[in-house]
Amino acid sequence: MLSQPRDPAEALQSLRSWVKQAEIDGGLRPGLTADERQCLTELERENRELRRANEILKSASAFFARELDPRPPHS
């Protein structure tokens, strides 16, 4: 659902943005299409999640390596 702009300047800016995106999507202007932008956003989100999972796995690996180390801890 679209919200109504508070003033005419805001409406004009929204209209300009929509026209610009339509021109990009239509190949009339360089830039990321709406589909490309959505794909990029999803890939960036997935990348963040994978980096976070990787950090968790690194921490868990280090923890278990210390727990399973047969050498006595250093004092």
C-alpha atoms as a PDB file:
ATOM      1  CA  MET A   1       0.000   0.000   0.000  1.00  0.00           C
ATOM      2  CA  LEU A   2       1.343   3.410  -0.940  1.00  0.00           C
ATOM      3  CA  SER A   3       1.261   6.243   1.531  1.00  0.00           C
ATOM      4  CA  GLN A   4       0.235   9.703   0.487  1.00  0.00           C
ATOM      5  CA  PRO A   5       3.005  12.291   0.466  1.00  0.00           C
ATOM      6  CA  ARG A   6       2.775  15.133   2.959  1.00  0.00           C
ATOM      7  CA  ASP A   7       3.536  17.883   0.488  1.00  0.00           C
ATOM      8  CA  PRO A   8       3.726  18.401  -3.283  1.00  0.00           C
ATOM      9  CA  ALA A   9       7.543  18.424  -3.262  1.00  0.00           C
ATOM     10  CA  GLU A  10       7.542  14.958  -1.708  1.00  0.00           C
ATOM     11  CA  ALA A  11       5.048  13.747  -4.329  1.00  0.00           C
ATOM     12  CA  LEU A  12       7.194  15.191  -7.118  1.00  0.00           C
ATOM     13  CA  GLN A  13      10.313  13.464  -5.766  1.00  0.00           C
ATOM     14  CA  SER A  14       8.465  10.141  -5.559  1.00  0.00           C
ATOM     15  CA  LEU A  15       7.258  10.546  -9.124  1.00  0.00           C
ATOM     16  CA  ARG A  16      10.787  11.334 -10.315  1.00  0.00           C
ATOM     17  CA  SER A  17      12.104   8.222  -8.557  1.00  0.00           C
ATOM     18  CA  TRP A  18       9.426   6.031 -10.138  1.00  0.00           C
ATOM     19  CA  VAL A  19      10.077   7.448 -13.616  1.00  0.00           C
ATOM     20  CA  LYS A  20      13.832   6.993 -13.200  1.00  0.00           C
ATOM     21  CA  GLN A  21      13.374   3.356 -12.117  1.00  0.00           C
ATOM     22  CA  ALA A  22      10.984   2.722 -15.029  1.00  0.00           C
ATOM     23  CA  GLU A  23      13.592   4.128 -17.438  1.00  0.00           C
ATOM     24  CA  ILE A  24      16.267   1.866 -15.916  1.00  0.00           C
ATOM     25  CA  ASP A  25      13.964  -1.160 -16.068  1.00  0.00           C
ATOM     26  CA  GLY A  26      13.167  -0.323 -19.698  1.00  0.00           C
ATOM     27  CA  GLY A  27      16.822  -0.070 -20.671  1.00  0.00           C
ATOM     28  CA  LEU A  28      16.663   3.656 -21.370  1.00  0.00           C
ATOM     29  CA  ARG A  29      18.969   4.625 -18.532  1.00  0.00           C
ATOM     30  CA  PRO A  30      21.983   2.869 -16.974  1.00  0.00           C
ATOM     31  CA  GLY A  31      21.622   1.374 -13.513  1.00  0.00           C
ATOM     32  CA  LEU A  32      20.318  -1.640 -11.652  1.00  0.00           C
ATOM     33  CA  THR A  33      16.865  -2.828 -12.655  1.00  0.00           C
ATOM     34  CA  ALA A  34      14.323  -3.484  -9.925  1.00  0.00           C
ATOM     35  CA  ASP A  35      14.897  -7.241 -10.332  1.00  0.00           C
ATOM     36  CA  GLU A  36      18.676  -6.829 -10.156  1.00  0.00           C
ATOM     37  CA  ARG A  37      18.359  -4.607  -7.088  1.00  0.00           C
ATOM     38  CA  GLN A  38      16.139  -7.186  -5.372  1.00  0.00           C
ATOM     39  CA  CYS A  39      18.574  -9.985  -6.252  1.00  0.00           C
ATOM     40  CA  LEU A  40      21.507  -7.930  -4.965  1.00  0.00           C
ATOM     41  CA  THR A  41      19.675  -7.216  -1.701  1.00  0.00           C
ATOM     42  CA  GLU A  42      18.940 -10.921  -1.230  1.00  0.00           C
ATOM     43  CA  LEU A  43      22.553 -11.884  -1.988  1.00  0.00           C
ATOM     44  CA  GLU A  44      23.868  -9.272   0.466  1.00  0.00           C
ATOM     45  CA  ARG A  45      21.520 -10.622   3.166  1.00  0.00           C
ATOM     46  CA  GLU A  46      22.623 -14.197   2.456  1.00  0.00           C
ATOM     47  CA  ASN A  47      26.271 -13.090   2.542  1.00  0.00           C
ATOM     48  CA  ARG A  48      25.781 -11.477   5.988  1.00  0.00           C
ATOM     49  CA  GLU A  49      24.106 -14.641   7.286  1.00  0.00           C
ATOM     50  CA  LEU A  50      26.880 -16.856   5.932  1.00  0.00           C
ATOM     51  CA  ARG A  51      29.594 -14.623   7.412  1.00  0.00           C
ATOM     52  CA  ARG A  52      27.828 -14.764  10.788  1.00  0.00           C
ATOM     53  CA  ALA A  53      27.493 -18.556  10.582  1.00  0.00           C
ATOM     54  CA  ASN A  54      31.172 -18.798   9.628  1.00  0.00           C
ATOM     55  CA  GLU A  55      32.178 -16.753  12.693  1.00  0.00           C
ATOM     56  CA  ILE A  56      30.036 -18.965  14.932  1.00  0.00           C
ATOM     57  CA  LEU A  57      31.623 -22.091  13.458  1.00  0.00           C
ATOM     58  CA  LYS A  58      35.131 -20.652  13.917  1.00  0.00           C
ATOM     59  CA  SER A  59      34.373 -19.893  17.573  1.00  0.00           C
ATOM     60  CA  ALA A  60      32.900 -23.347  18.137  1.00  0.00           C
ATOM     61  CA  SER A  61      35.875 -24.978  16.442  1.00  0.00           C
ATOM     62  CA  ALA A  62      38.331 -23.067  18.638  1.00  0.00           C
ATOM     63  CA  PHE A  63      36.313 -23.931  21.761  1.00  0.00           C
ATOM     64  CA  PHE A  64      36.229 -27.652  21.009  1.00  0.00           C
ATOM     65  CA  ALA A  65      39.892 -27.665  19.991  1.00  0.00           C
ATOM     66  CA  ARG A  66      40.762 -26.283  23.449  1.00  0.00           C
ATOM     67  CA  GLU A  67      38.416 -28.726  25.192  1.00  0.00           C
ATOM     68  CA  LEU A  68      39.836 -31.735  23.373  1.00  0.00           C
ATOM     69  CA  ASP A  69      43.508 -30.710  23.661  1.00  0.00           C
ATOM     70  CA  PRO A  70      45.206 -33.401  25.766  1.00  0.00           C
ATOM     71  CA  ARG A  71      47.923 -31.000  26.965  1.00  0.00           C
ATOM     72  CA  PRO A  72      47.412 -29.403  30.380  1.00  0.00           C
ATOM     73  CA  PRO A  73      46.467 -25.700  30.305  1.00  0.00           C
ATOM     74  CA  HIS A  74      49.217 -23.125  30.770  1.00  0.00           C
ATOM     75  CA  SER A  75      49.151 -21.172  34.027  1.00  0.00           C
END
